[in-house]
Amino acid sequence: MSRNRHQSITQTAQLHRENLRRNLERRLEAARASGDQSLVKMLEAEASYIG
């Protein structure tokens, strides 16, 4: 695999993880604002899984 292709794949994966984290943070804020502790716990577990 060429170096440029490998670098592109790596950057895409990193961007995807950042988007997942950002989306998860918005979902956590909404769950906390609504007082849904069950959802907060599930989202926190998801956050630890994502890393």
Protein backbone atom coordinates (compact mmCIF):
# COMPACT_ATOMS: atom_id res chain seq x y z
CA MET A 1 0.00 0.00 0.00
CA SER A 2 1.42 3.39 -0.88
CA ARG A 3 2.38 5.73 1.89
CA ASN A 4 -0.14 8.38 0.79
CA ARG A 5 -2.98 5.87 0.79
CA HIS A 6 -2.00 4.59 4.22
CA GLN A 7 -1.82 8.15 5.55
CA SER A 8 -5.23 8.94 4.06
CA ILE A 9 -6.79 5.88 5.68
CA THR A 10 -5.22 6.77 9.03
CA GLN A 11 -6.50 10.34 8.84
CA THR A 12 -9.98 9.17 7.88
CA ALA A 13 -10.10 6.76 10.81
CA GLN A 14 -8.97 9.50 13.19
CA LEU A 15 -11.60 11.90 11.87
CA HIS A 16 -14.26 9.21 12.24
CA ARG A 17 -13.31 8.64 15.91
CA GLU A 18 -13.40 12.39 16.57
CA ASN A 19 -16.86 12.62 15.01
CA LEU A 20 -18.08 9.68 17.10
CA ARG A 21 -16.78 11.32 20.28
CA ARG A 22 -18.29 14.70 19.41
CA ASN A 23 -21.68 13.11 18.64
CA LEU A 24 -21.53 11.06 21.82
CA GLU A 25 -20.74 14.17 23.87
CA ARG A 26 -23.83 15.93 22.45
CA ARG A 27 -25.96 12.89 23.27
CA LEU A 28 -24.55 12.80 26.81
CA GLU A 29 -25.33 16.49 27.34
CA ALA A 30 -28.91 15.95 26.17
CA ALA A 31 -29.36 12.90 28.41
CA ARG A 32 -27.98 14.78 31.42
CA ALA A 33 -30.19 17.79 30.68
CA SER A 34 -33.27 15.58 30.55
CA GLY A 35 -32.25 13.76 33.73
CA ASP A 36 -32.24 10.34 32.08
CA GLN A 37 -29.68 8.57 34.28
CA SER A 38 -30.17 5.23 32.58
CA LEU A 39 -29.29 6.73 29.21
CA VAL A 40 -26.35 8.62 30.75
CA LYS A 41 -24.94 5.34 32.07
CA MET A 42 -25.36 3.64 28.69
CA LEU A 43 -23.69 6.54 26.88
CA GLU A 44 -20.83 6.61 29.38
CA ALA A 45 -20.31 2.89 28.74
CA GLU A 46 -20.31 3.62 25.01
CA ALA A 47 -17.74 6.37 25.58
CA SER A 48 -15.42 3.99 27.40
CA TYR A 49 -15.83 1.48 24.57
CA ILE A 50 -14.98 4.09 21.92
CA GLY A 51 -12.01 5.25 23.93
